[in-house]
Amino acid sequence: MKILISGATGFIGSALVALLQKSEHQLYALVRQVDTRLPPNISQYTLATLAELDQPLDAFINLAGEGIADRPWSKKRKAKLYESRVTLTKQVKEQLKTPPKMVLSMSAIGYYGSFSDAEVDENSPAGEGFAHELCQAWEASALAFNEQGTRTVIYRLGVVLSEQGGALTKMRPSYLCGLGGKIGSGRQGFSWVHLDDVLKAIEAALDNPTFTGIYNLTSPHMVEQKDFAKVYAKVLKRPTFITVPKSILRLTLGEMSSLLTHGVKAYPKRLIEQKFSFDYANLAEALLQLETKT
């Protein structure tokens, strides 16, 4: 397959590149500028040179996007989050001479907002707030490829667990110091997915033409945040007795604190219906496996 990847040097992208190269796919990377972190056999294109890619693409995998939890959501930061997702996706569509046969784009379960104790699936209504608005616009920009007859798949990601990057690598130091624990009531949903299952789902969408539309990409066994804290502390053999008040997070992180104080219990209904099998459906097993690799 001839595959264009945006975000190829992120922690999901770099793992995906390594996996796809084993199957001898022809990979192309969309970059801001030439990136020496990428293998030399991957052709690199910027938005300015993308029109020069004259090979018909079997797939465009859209992983690009500034880290949503990297810094507080100032007006300027919100604009960057939007541009790196929505604007970029629109520009790729405009620049490609020939539409790809399929597009696989990421989104997030932030689309649903906060549903407290309720479980949501792909048929549940949208939520409110900036995270929802961002996800909704990002999905719309990807679904626009349908106008060209392109098969489009969107994965609404939960918290991706990996030893290579993402939320777990940010949380691990505080948990190792015995400072991990409940956030607020701890009853907010913590919908998670192992990186290996993300890669497996991407391959499934590439290979199986019946994959189309929007899917929750989360473990079928979602937990509450307080349960995640207990399990992770146990895996690290550390205590967990800290409770972080919501007010402190709001004071320090502002609107972005909603990523921690609000959660959703997202069920991967459509993936289950398509007989997708998760290699890591159990949280304790997933965290133990990742800790042995650290």
Protein backbone atom coordinates (compact mmCIF):
# COMPACT_ATOMS: atom_id res chain seq x y z
CA MET A 1 0.00 0.00 0.00
CA LYS A 2 1.04 3.60 -0.62
CA ILE A 3 0.30 5.44 2.64
CA LEU A 4 0.70 9.11 3.59
CA ILE A 5 1.03 9.71 7.35
CA SER A 6 0.76 13.01 9.20
CA GLY A 7 2.16 13.10 12.73
CA ALA A 8 4.60 10.33 11.85
CA THR A 9 7.09 11.32 14.58
CA GLY A 10 4.59 11.41 17.45
CA PHE A 11 4.46 8.48 19.88
CA ILE A 12 1.60 6.84 17.98
CA GLY A 13 3.00 7.78 14.58
CA SER A 14 6.52 6.51 15.22
CA ALA A 15 5.19 3.17 16.47
CA LEU A 16 2.90 2.93 13.44
CA VAL A 17 5.73 3.69 11.02
CA ALA A 18 7.86 0.92 12.55
CA LEU A 19 4.95 -1.52 12.29
CA LEU A 20 3.97 -0.68 8.70
CA GLN A 21 7.54 -0.88 7.48
CA LYS A 22 7.62 -4.53 8.49
CA SER A 23 4.89 -5.16 5.91
CA GLU A 24 6.83 -3.33 3.20
CA HIS A 25 4.27 -0.62 2.59
CA GLN A 26 5.45 2.47 0.68
CA LEU A 27 5.26 5.24 3.27
CA TYR A 28 5.20 9.00 2.83
CA ALA A 29 5.33 11.49 5.70
CA LEU A 30 3.70 14.90 5.89
CA VAL A 31 6.11 17.14 7.84
CA ARG A 32 6.56 20.81 8.66
CA GLN A 33 10.17 20.58 7.52
CA VAL A 34 12.60 17.77 6.74
CA ASP A 35 12.74 15.58 9.84
CA THR A 36 15.88 13.52 10.48
CA ARG A 37 14.02 11.32 12.99
CA LEU A 38 12.25 9.55 10.13
CA PRO A 39 13.85 6.56 8.37
CA PRO A 40 15.65 7.57 5.15
CA ASN A 41 13.44 5.37 2.97
CA ILE A 42 10.34 7.45 3.81
CA SER A 43 9.70 10.29 1.38
CA GLN A 44 8.87 13.53 3.16
CA TYR A 45 6.48 16.23 1.98
CA THR A 46 5.37 19.55 3.41
CA LEU A 47 2.02 21.17 2.67
CA ALA A 48 3.86 23.36 0.17
CA THR A 49 5.25 20.35 -1.74
CA LEU A 50 2.38 17.89 -1.24
CA ALA A 51 1.01 18.61 -4.72
CA GLU A 52 4.23 17.09 -6.07
CA LEU A 53 3.19 13.69 -4.72
CA ASP A 54 2.00 12.17 -7.97
CA GLN A 55 1.47 8.63 -6.65
CA PRO A 56 -2.17 7.62 -6.12
CA LEU A 57 -2.52 6.96 -2.39
CA ASP A 58 -4.18 3.90 -0.93
CA ALA A 59 -4.52 5.69 2.41
CA PHE A 60 -3.96 8.92 4.30
CA ILE A 61 -3.53 8.34 8.05
CA ASN A 62 -4.10 11.58 9.93
CA LEU A 63 -2.32 11.58 13.30
CA ALA A 64 -1.21 15.22 13.41
CA GLY A 65 -2.15 17.63 16.17
CA GLU A 66 -0.55 19.73 18.89
CA GLY A 67 -0.73 18.03 22.30
CA ILE A 68 -4.07 19.02 23.78
CA ALA A 69 -2.83 18.67 27.37
CA ASP A 70 0.63 20.16 26.87
CA ARG A 71 -0.26 23.65 28.15
CA PRO A 72 -3.29 25.69 29.32
CA TRP A 73 -5.89 26.66 26.73
CA SER A 74 -5.24 30.32 26.10
CA LYS A 75 -6.91 31.87 23.07
CA LYS A 76 -3.63 31.51 21.18
CA ARG A 77 -3.25 27.88 22.25
CA LYS A 78 -6.79 27.01 21.17
CA ALA A 79 -6.03 28.47 17.75
CA LYS A 80 -2.93 26.24 17.44
CA LEU A 81 -4.88 23.16 18.47
CA TYR A 82 -7.48 23.96 15.82
CA GLU A 83 -4.99 24.77 13.07
CA SER A 84 -2.89 21.64 13.68
CA ARG A 85 -5.96 19.42 13.33
CA VAL A 86 -8.81 21.01 11.40
CA THR A 87 -6.97 23.44 9.16
CA LEU A 88 -4.25 20.91 8.33
CA THR A 89 -6.80 18.25 7.35
CA LYS A 90 -8.58 20.69 5.05
CA GLN A 91 -5.26 21.72 3.48
CA VAL A 92 -4.26 18.13 2.79
CA LYS A 93 -7.56 17.57 0.99
CA GLU A 94 -6.96 20.68 -1.11
CA GLN A 95 -3.34 19.85 -1.96
CA LEU A 96 -3.63 16.20 -2.97
CA LYS A 97 -4.07 15.95 -6.74
CA THR A 98 -5.83 12.59 -6.52
CA PRO A 99 -8.11 11.68 -3.58
CA PRO A 100 -6.81 8.78 -1.46
CA LYS A 101 -8.78 5.55 -1.54
CA MET A 102 -9.29 5.79 2.21
CA VAL A 103 -8.69 8.27 5.02
CA LEU A 104 -8.17 7.26 8.64
CA SER A 105 -8.29 10.21 11.01
CA MET A 106 -8.04 10.43 14.76
CA SER A 107 -10.47 12.23 17.05
CA ALA A 108 -11.10 11.81 20.77
CA ILE A 109 -13.82 10.84 23.22
CA GLY A 110 -13.74 14.49 24.29
CA TYR A 111 -16.42 14.73 21.61
CA TYR A 112 -18.96 13.47 24.18
CA GLY A 113 -18.15 15.99 26.90
CA SER A 114 -18.96 14.73 30.41
CA PHE A 115 -21.71 12.19 30.99
CA SER A 116 -20.91 11.45 34.68
CA ASP A 117 -21.96 7.84 35.34
CA ALA A 118 -23.57 7.23 31.96
CA GLU A 119 -21.96 4.98 29.37
CA VAL A 120 -21.76 6.37 25.84
CA ASP A 121 -21.29 4.78 22.44
CA GLU A 122 -21.05 6.11 18.90
CA ASN A 123 -24.79 6.86 18.82
CA SER A 124 -24.71 9.05 21.94
CA PRO A 125 -25.24 12.81 21.55
CA ALA A 126 -22.38 15.27 21.47
CA GLY A 127 -21.29 17.14 24.56
CA GLU A 128 -20.32 20.75 25.15
CA GLY A 129 -17.14 22.73 25.66
CA PHE A 130 -13.94 23.37 23.74
CA ALA A 131 -12.79 19.74 23.52
CA HIS A 132 -16.10 18.78 21.94
CA GLU A 133 -16.04 21.70 19.50
CA LEU A 134 -12.49 20.80 18.46
CA CYS A 135 -13.31 17.13 17.93
CA GLN A 136 -16.48 17.93 16.02
CA ALA A 137 -14.67 20.28 13.63
CA TRP A 138 -11.79 17.82 13.20
CA GLU A 139 -14.16 15.00 12.33
CA ALA A 140 -16.06 17.19 9.87
CA SER A 141 -12.84 18.09 8.06
CA ALA A 142 -12.00 14.38 7.68
CA LEU A 143 -15.51 13.34 6.65
CA ALA A 144 -15.33 15.93 3.86
CA PHE A 145 -13.15 13.39 1.99
CA ASN A 146 -16.36 11.39 1.51
CA GLU A 147 -17.38 13.95 -1.10
CA GLN A 148 -14.61 12.57 -3.32
CA GLY A 149 -15.71 8.96 -2.91
CA THR A 150 -13.07 8.23 -0.29
CA ARG A 151 -13.77 5.64 2.41
CA THR A 152 -13.33 7.50 5.69
CA VAL A 153 -12.73 6.03 9.15
CA ILE A 154 -12.53 8.10 12.33
CA TYR A 155 -11.30 6.74 15.65
CA ARG A 156 -12.35 8.57 18.80
CA LEU A 157 -9.44 7.76 21.05
CA GLY A 158 -9.52 7.30 24.77
CA VAL A 159 -6.38 7.81 26.89
CA VAL A 160 -3.68 5.93 24.97
CA LEU A 161 -1.44 3.99 27.35
CA SER A 162 2.16 3.54 26.25
CA GLU A 163 5.63 3.58 27.75
CA GLN A 164 6.77 5.61 24.73
CA GLY A 165 4.79 8.78 25.40
CA GLY A 166 1.39 10.24 26.13
CA ALA A 167 -0.47 10.47 29.43
CA LEU A 168 1.20 7.53 31.18
CA THR A 169 4.73 8.88 30.84
CA LYS A 170 3.53 12.19 32.33
CA MET A 171 1.77 10.51 35.27
CA ARG A 172 4.44 7.92 36.10
CA PRO A 173 6.88 10.21 38.00
CA SER A 174 4.23 11.45 40.44
CA TYR A 175 2.93 7.91 41.02
CA LEU A 176 6.47 6.66 41.65
CA CYS A 177 6.78 9.35 44.33
CA GLY A 178 3.56 8.16 45.95
CA LEU A 179 1.69 11.25 44.79
CA GLY A 180 -0.81 9.57 42.50
CA GLY A 181 -4.42 9.35 43.50
CA LYS A 182 -7.97 10.48 43.15
CA ILE A 183 -8.89 13.63 41.24
CA GLY A 184 -11.94 15.24 42.79
CA SER A 185 -14.50 12.51 43.48
CA GLY A 186 -12.59 10.14 41.22
CA ARG A 187 -15.88 8.94 39.75
CA GLN A 188 -15.30 10.51 36.35
CA GLY A 189 -14.85 8.02 33.53
CA PHE A 190 -11.36 6.96 32.52
CA SER A 191 -11.66 5.41 29.09
CA TRP A 192 -8.31 4.01 28.02
CA VAL A 193 -6.71 1.94 25.27
CA HIS A 194 -3.32 0.24 24.93
CA LEU A 195 -1.11 1.57 22.13
CA ASP A 196 -0.81 -1.93 20.64
CA ASP A 197 -4.60 -2.03 20.22
CA VAL A 198 -4.55 1.38 18.54
CA LEU A 199 -2.03 0.06 16.02
CA LYS A 200 -4.04 -3.12 15.57
CA ALA A 201 -7.21 -1.10 14.91
CA ILE A 202 -5.41 1.06 12.35
CA GLU A 203 -4.24 -2.04 10.49
CA ALA A 204 -7.77 -3.47 10.65
CA ALA A 205 -9.20 -0.32 9.05
CA LEU A 206 -6.55 -0.38 6.33
CA ASP A 207 -7.17 -4.02 5.46
CA ASN A 208 -10.92 -4.32 5.90
CA PRO A 209 -13.12 -2.25 3.55
CA THR A 210 -16.15 -2.79 5.79
CA PHE A 211 -14.62 -0.35 8.28
CA THR A 212 -16.24 3.02 7.62
CA GLY A 213 -17.50 5.93 9.70
CA ILE A 214 -16.89 6.72 13.35
CA TYR A 215 -15.67 4.33 16.05
CA ASN A 216 -14.79 4.66 19.73
CA LEU A 217 -11.28 3.28 20.16
CA THR A 218 -11.28 2.46 23.86
CA SER A 219 -11.04 -0.70 25.92
CA PRO A 220 -14.45 -2.36 26.37
CA HIS A 221 -13.64 -2.38 30.10
CA MET A 222 -13.59 1.30 30.98
CA VAL A 223 -12.99 2.33 34.59
CA GLU A 224 -13.42 5.33 36.85
CA GLN A 225 -10.42 7.57 37.50
CA LYS A 226 -10.13 6.47 41.14
CA ASP A 227 -9.93 2.84 40.00
CA PHE A 228 -7.20 3.67 37.50
CA ALA A 229 -5.23 5.37 40.30
CA LYS A 230 -5.52 2.31 42.57
CA VAL A 231 -4.53 -0.14 39.86
CA TYR A 232 -1.58 1.91 38.61
CA ALA A 233 -0.25 2.52 42.13
CA LYS A 234 -0.51 -1.22 42.83
CA VAL A 235 1.40 -2.05 39.64
CA LEU A 236 4.14 0.40 40.67
CA LYS A 237 4.00 -0.87 44.28
CA ARG A 238 3.35 2.60 45.61
CA PRO A 239 0.72 4.01 47.98
CA THR A 240 -2.22 6.03 46.69
CA PHE A 241 -3.89 8.24 49.26
CA ILE A 242 -3.67 11.68 47.67
CA THR A 243 -6.84 13.46 46.59
CA VAL A 244 -6.40 16.43 44.29
CA PRO A 245 -9.26 18.94 44.68
CA LYS A 246 -10.91 20.15 41.49
CA SER A 247 -10.48 23.75 42.65
CA ILE A 248 -6.69 23.45 42.65
CA LEU A 249 -6.67 22.12 39.10
CA ARG A 250 -9.01 24.84 37.90
CA LEU A 251 -6.76 27.44 39.49
CA THR A 252 -3.56 26.08 37.94
CA LEU A 253 -4.81 24.77 34.57
CA GLY A 254 -7.91 26.85 33.90
CA GLU A 255 -10.34 25.46 31.32
CA MET A 256 -7.92 22.64 30.43
CA SER A 257 -8.52 21.14 33.90
CA SER A 258 -11.74 19.66 32.47
CA LEU A 259 -9.59 16.96 30.84
CA LEU A 260 -8.84 15.66 34.33
CA THR A 261 -11.91 16.58 36.36
CA HIS A 262 -14.46 15.41 33.79
CA GLY A 263 -14.52 12.07 32.05
CA VAL A 264 -16.62 9.81 29.93
CA LYS A 265 -17.21 6.07 29.91
CA ALA A 266 -16.98 5.34 26.20
CA TYR A 267 -17.83 1.86 24.95
CA PRO A 268 -16.41 0.67 21.58
CA LYS A 269 -19.76 -0.65 20.36
CA ARG A 270 -19.00 -0.54 16.63
CA LEU A 271 -15.60 -2.22 16.96
CA ILE A 272 -17.15 -5.02 19.01
CA GLU A 273 -19.88 -5.40 16.39
CA GLN A 274 -17.18 -5.80 13.75
CA LYS A 275 -15.58 -8.58 15.81
CA PHE A 276 -12.46 -6.56 16.61
CA SER A 277 -10.51 -8.31 19.35
CA PHE A 278 -8.59 -6.22 21.91
CA ASP A 279 -5.27 -7.69 22.99
CA TYR A 280 -5.39 -5.60 26.17
CA ALA A 281 -8.92 -5.26 27.52
CA ASN A 282 -7.92 -5.54 31.20
CA LEU A 283 -6.35 -2.45 32.77
CA ALA A 284 -4.09 -4.25 35.24
CA GLU A 285 -2.71 -6.53 32.53
CA ALA A 286 -2.11 -3.58 30.22
CA LEU A 287 -0.26 -1.57 32.86
CA LEU A 288 1.82 -4.57 33.97
CA GLN A 289 2.86 -5.24 30.38
CA LEU A 290 3.88 -1.61 29.86
CA GLU A 291 5.77 -1.44 33.15
CA THR A 292 7.89 -4.46 32.18
CA LYS A 293 8.96 -2.53 29.06
CA THR A 294 9.94 0.63 30.96
